[in-house]
N, C-alpha and C. Protein backbone atom coordinates (compact mmCIF):
# COMPACT_ATOMS: atom_id res chain seq x y z
N MET A 1 15.81 41.61 -0.29
CA MET A 1 16.80 40.64 -0.26
C MET A 1 15.46 39.43 0.64
N ARG A 2 14.88 39.83 1.39
CA ARG A 2 14.55 39.11 2.20
C ARG A 2 13.11 38.64 1.07
N ASN A 3 12.22 39.45 0.33
CA ASN A 3 11.32 38.56 0.01
C ASN A 3 12.28 37.62 -1.04
N LYS A 4 13.13 37.93 -2.00
CA LYS A 4 13.74 36.62 -1.94
C LYS A 4 13.82 35.71 -1.36
N LEU A 5 14.25 35.43 -0.21
CA LEU A 5 14.74 34.24 0.73
C LEU A 5 13.20 34.07 1.10
N LYS A 6 11.80 34.45 1.28
CA LYS A 6 10.79 34.17 1.71
C LYS A 6 10.43 33.20 0.36
N LEU A 7 10.39 34.15 -0.91
CA LEU A 7 9.85 33.26 -1.78
C LEU A 7 10.16 31.85 -1.68
N GLN A 8 12.07 31.89 -1.68
CA GLN A 8 12.46 30.20 -1.77
C GLN A 8 12.49 29.63 -0.64
N GLU A 9 12.10 29.57 0.41
CA GLU A 9 11.05 29.13 1.47
C GLU A 9 10.26 28.64 0.84
N LEU A 10 9.40 29.61 0.94
CA LEU A 10 7.62 28.89 0.16
C LEU A 10 8.10 28.14 -0.97
N ASN A 11 8.84 28.01 -1.76
CA ASN A 11 9.02 27.27 -3.04
C ASN A 11 9.53 25.98 -2.18
N VAL A 12 10.40 25.85 -1.17
CA VAL A 12 11.20 24.75 -1.06
C VAL A 12 10.09 23.78 -0.11
N GLU A 13 9.04 24.64 0.81
CA GLU A 13 7.55 24.03 1.30
C GLU A 13 6.83 23.13 0.56
N GLN A 14 6.24 23.79 -0.01
CA GLN A 14 5.81 23.53 -1.08
C GLN A 14 6.41 22.18 -2.32
N THR A 15 7.11 22.14 -2.42
CA THR A 15 8.47 21.15 -3.13
C THR A 15 8.19 19.67 -1.58
N VAL A 16 8.39 20.10 -0.67
CA VAL A 16 8.81 18.93 0.41
C VAL A 16 6.96 18.37 0.91
N ARG A 17 5.75 19.29 0.60
CA ARG A 17 4.84 19.42 0.37
C ARG A 17 4.15 17.87 -0.44
N SER A 18 4.51 18.31 -2.17
CA SER A 18 3.82 17.51 -3.12
C SER A 18 5.06 16.14 -2.66
N THR A 19 6.16 16.37 -2.69
CA THR A 19 6.74 15.04 -2.00
C THR A 19 6.16 14.09 -1.37
N LEU A 20 6.02 14.78 -0.65
CA LEU A 20 5.27 13.83 0.78
C LEU A 20 4.02 13.58 0.04
N ARG A 21 3.17 14.66 0.16
CA ARG A 21 1.87 13.70 -0.70
C ARG A 21 1.97 12.95 -1.47
N ASP A 22 2.92 13.12 -2.88
CA ASP A 22 3.02 11.83 -3.45
C ASP A 22 3.35 10.62 -3.05
N ASN A 23 4.12 10.67 -1.61
CA ASN A 23 4.82 9.23 -1.38
C ASN A 23 3.65 8.83 -0.47
N ILE A 24 2.54 9.70 0.62
CA ILE A 24 1.73 8.94 0.82
C ILE A 24 0.52 8.09 -0.12
N VAL A 25 0.35 8.77 -1.25
CA VAL A 25 -0.14 8.21 -2.23
C VAL A 25 0.34 6.90 -2.93
N ARG A 26 1.60 7.17 -2.88
CA ARG A 26 2.28 5.82 -3.55
C ARG A 26 1.86 4.78 -2.61
N MET A 27 2.39 4.90 -1.12
CA MET A 27 1.94 4.06 -0.39
C MET A 27 1.01 3.93 -0.42
N LEU A 28 -0.12 4.60 -0.61
CA LEU A 28 -1.21 4.07 0.06
C LEU A 28 -1.89 3.23 -1.43
N LYS A 29 -1.23 3.42 -2.64
CA LYS A 29 -1.73 2.61 -3.29
C LYS A 29 -1.08 1.32 -3.80
N SER A 30 -0.18 1.02 -3.13
CA SER A 30 1.15 -0.07 -3.15
C SER A 30 0.61 -1.26 -1.93
N HIS A 31 0.19 -0.22 -0.85
CA HIS A 31 0.43 -1.55 0.40
C HIS A 31 -0.91 -1.30 0.70
N VAL A 32 -1.75 -0.27 0.88
CA VAL A 32 -3.01 -0.60 1.80
C VAL A 32 -4.04 -0.73 0.91
N LEU A 33 -4.01 -0.61 -0.54
CA LEU A 33 -5.65 -0.59 -1.50
C LEU A 33 -5.21 -2.37 -1.92
N PRO A 34 -4.32 -2.72 -1.71
CA PRO A 34 -4.40 -4.36 -1.75
C PRO A 34 -4.87 -5.48 -0.42
N VAL A 35 -4.60 -5.18 0.56
CA VAL A 35 -4.84 -5.37 1.75
C VAL A 35 -5.94 -5.22 1.81
N LEU A 36 -6.89 -3.88 1.51
CA LEU A 36 -8.49 -3.96 1.67
C LEU A 36 -8.86 -4.65 0.85
N LEU A 37 -8.95 -4.95 -0.31
CA LEU A 37 -9.12 -4.99 -2.19
C LEU A 37 -8.92 -6.85 -1.15
N GLY A 38 -8.21 -7.80 -1.10
CA GLY A 38 -8.21 -8.89 0.02
C GLY A 38 -8.67 -8.92 0.93
N ALA A 39 -8.68 -8.15 1.89
CA ALA A 39 -10.32 -8.07 3.15
C ALA A 39 -11.19 -8.63 2.61
N ALA A 40 -11.62 -7.13 1.47
CA ALA A 40 -13.10 -7.58 1.01
C ALA A 40 -13.26 -8.88 0.11
N GLY A 41 -12.12 -9.34 -0.69
CA GLY A 41 -11.98 -10.26 -1.39
C GLY A 41 -12.28 -11.60 0.07
N GLY A 42 -11.71 -11.78 0.99
CA GLY A 42 -11.64 -12.75 2.12
C GLY A 42 -13.30 -12.48 2.10
N TYR A 43 -13.53 -12.03 2.80
CA TYR A 43 -15.02 -11.11 3.16
C TYR A 43 -16.35 -11.90 1.78
N ALA A 44 -16.52 -11.87 0.98
CA ALA A 44 -16.93 -12.59 -0.48
C ALA A 44 -17.05 -13.45 -0.57
N TYR A 45 -15.66 -14.34 -0.36
CA TYR A 45 -15.44 -15.60 -0.31
C TYR A 45 -16.35 -16.00 0.95
N TYR A 46 -16.40 -15.58 2.28
CA TYR A 46 -17.62 -15.97 3.04
C TYR A 46 -18.44 -15.99 2.96
N TYR A 47 -18.63 -14.69 2.70
CA TYR A 47 -20.21 -14.45 2.04
C TYR A 47 -21.10 -15.11 1.51
N PHE A 48 -20.27 -15.26 0.08
CA PHE A 48 -20.79 -16.17 -1.00
C PHE A 48 -20.38 -17.78 -1.06
N ILE A 49 -19.53 -18.66 -0.55
CA ILE A 49 -18.95 -19.83 -0.57
C ILE A 49 -18.50 -20.97 0.89
N GLY A 50 -18.47 -19.67 1.74
CA GLY A 50 -18.06 -20.82 2.95
C GLY A 50 -19.51 -20.88 3.82
N CYS A 51 -19.06 -21.92 4.83
CA CYS A 51 -19.30 -22.76 5.20
C CYS A 51 -20.49 -22.33 6.60
N TYR A 52 -20.86 -23.08 7.02
CA TYR A 52 -21.85 -21.97 8.01
C TYR A 52 -21.79 -23.26 9.01
N GLY A 53 -21.19 -24.57 8.90
CA GLY A 53 -21.58 -24.87 10.10
C GLY A 53 -20.45 -25.39 10.80
N GLY A 54 -19.84 -24.35 11.24
CA GLY A 54 -18.44 -24.21 12.03
C GLY A 54 -17.43 -25.40 11.37
N ALA A 55 -17.27 -25.93 10.56
CA ALA A 55 -16.48 -27.90 10.38
C ALA A 55 -15.30 -26.80 9.60
N CYS A 56 -15.28 -25.74 8.81
CA CYS A 56 -14.34 -25.08 7.72
C CYS A 56 -13.63 -23.96 9.05
N PRO A 57 -12.53 -23.80 9.11
CA PRO A 57 -12.63 -22.59 10.25
C PRO A 57 -11.71 -21.47 9.89
N ILE A 58 -10.90 -21.68 8.39
CA ILE A 58 -11.02 -20.20 7.48
C ILE A 58 -12.34 -19.26 7.63
N THR A 59 -13.30 -20.11 6.78
CA THR A 59 -14.51 -19.60 5.75
C THR A 59 -16.05 -19.43 6.58
N SER A 60 -15.82 -20.36 7.79
CA SER A 60 -17.18 -20.14 8.55
C SER A 60 -16.88 -19.48 10.06
N ASN A 61 -15.93 -17.88 9.92
CA ASN A 61 -16.10 -17.10 10.25
C ASN A 61 -15.55 -15.31 9.69
N PRO A 62 -16.84 -14.68 9.38
CA PRO A 62 -16.13 -13.60 8.45
C PRO A 62 -14.97 -12.61 8.49
N THR A 63 -14.40 -12.91 9.97
CA THR A 63 -13.25 -11.93 10.92
C THR A 63 -12.29 -12.90 9.68
N VAL A 64 -12.18 -13.84 10.95
CA VAL A 64 -11.09 -14.50 10.19
C VAL A 64 -10.76 -14.88 8.73
N SER A 65 -11.87 -15.04 7.57
CA SER A 65 -11.68 -14.58 6.47
C SER A 65 -11.86 -14.32 5.67
N ALA A 66 -11.99 -12.66 6.41
CA ALA A 66 -11.49 -11.09 5.76
C ALA A 66 -10.33 -10.74 6.48
N LEU A 67 -8.92 -11.64 7.56
CA LEU A 67 -7.89 -11.19 7.57
C LEU A 67 -7.26 -11.99 6.91
N TYR A 68 -7.41 -13.20 6.87
CA TYR A 68 -6.68 -13.71 5.85
C TYR A 68 -6.89 -13.83 3.98
N GLY A 69 -7.88 -13.04 3.61
CA GLY A 69 -8.03 -12.87 2.52
C GLY A 69 -6.86 -11.37 2.57
N ALA A 70 -6.89 -10.69 3.34
CA ALA A 70 -5.98 -9.10 3.67
C ALA A 70 -3.79 -10.53 3.29
N VAL A 71 -4.18 -10.57 3.96
CA VAL A 71 -2.80 -11.27 4.41
C VAL A 71 -2.61 -11.88 3.36
N ILE A 72 -3.22 -12.67 2.30
CA ILE A 72 -2.86 -13.36 1.16
C ILE A 72 -2.42 -12.33 0.26
N ALA A 73 -3.65 -10.99 0.32
CA ALA A 73 -2.96 -10.24 -0.50
C ALA A 73 -1.77 -9.57 -0.55
N TRP A 74 -1.52 -9.06 0.77
CA TRP A 74 -0.11 -8.46 1.41
C TRP A 74 0.99 -9.23 0.84
N LEU A 75 0.96 -10.39 1.09
CA LEU A 75 1.66 -11.42 0.19
C LEU A 75 2.10 -11.54 -0.88
N VAL A 76 0.98 -10.92 -1.87
CA VAL A 76 1.40 -11.27 -3.17
C VAL A 76 1.12 -9.77 -4.03
N ALA A 77 0.56 -8.36 -3.08
CA ALA A 77 1.05 -7.20 -3.68
C ALA A 77 1.91 -7.60 -4.53
N PRO A 78 2.35 -6.96 -5.70
CA PRO A 78 3.67 -6.53 -5.63
C PRO A 78 4.70 -5.23 -5.81
N ARG A 79 5.68 -5.76 -5.64
CA ARG A 79 6.61 -5.06 -4.62
C ARG A 79 7.40 -4.24 -5.45
N LYS A 80 7.78 -2.51 -5.23
CA LYS A 80 9.17 -2.39 -6.22
C LYS A 80 10.02 -1.74 -5.49
N GLU A 81 11.04 -2.38 -6.60
CA GLU A 81 12.37 -2.33 -6.17
C GLU A 81 13.32 -0.74 -6.00
N LYS A 82 13.71 -0.61 -5.43
CA LYS A 82 14.34 1.51 -5.48
C LYS A 82 15.33 0.95 -6.97
N ARG A 83 15.01 1.04 -7.91
CA ARG A 83 15.87 0.82 -9.45
C ARG A 83 16.66 1.91 -9.67
N GLU A 84 16.83 3.13 -8.65
CA GLU A 84 17.37 4.42 -8.38
C GLU A 84 19.26 4.30 -8.15
N THR A 85 19.33 3.40 -7.28
CA THR A 85 20.28 2.64 -6.55
C THR A 85 21.01 2.29 -7.42
N ASN A 86 20.26 1.02 -8.04
CA ASN A 86 20.77 0.14 -8.88
C ASN A 86 21.40 0.68 -10.61
N GLN A 87 20.65 1.71 -11.09
CA GLN A 87 21.21 2.09 -12.20
C GLN A 87 22.46 2.76 -11.51
N GLN A 88 22.51 3.46 -10.13
CA GLN A 88 23.36 4.47 -9.73
C GLN A 88 24.85 3.36 -10.03
N ASN A 89 24.67 2.34 -9.38
CA ASN A 89 25.45 1.10 -9.43
C ASN A 89 26.18 0.72 -10.43
N GLU A 90 25.65 1.08 -11.52
CA GLU A 90 26.10 0.56 -12.78
C GLU A 90 26.98 1.31 -13.87
N VAL A 91 25.98 2.69 -13.08
CA VAL A 91 27.42 3.61 -13.71
C VAL A 91 28.71 4.06 -13.61
N LYS A 92 28.24 3.30 -11.89
CA LYS A 92 30.18 3.50 -11.80
C LYS A 92 30.61 2.91 -11.57
N GLU A 93 30.87 1.41 -12.15
CA GLU A 93 31.26 0.51 -12.51
C GLU A 93 31.38 0.71 -13.84
């Protein structure tokens, strides 16, 4: 009996860990990766196109240019809606 309980506890713990790992990977893919790519794109824009005289407030500073690219990427990145709740509501009606 005790062995079955221990085995069930291990299965639950492994399930929780894999679910947590999947959620972290999904969050990284949907939130962090686009921001990092946007920051890299902002810096690339500064490096290849930006003005060096200081007249352009965004592209004359690499930090501001990278931050601007990160913010734009965060705003443009697609967001996934929770479809499960929408489907459950449709079934109930």
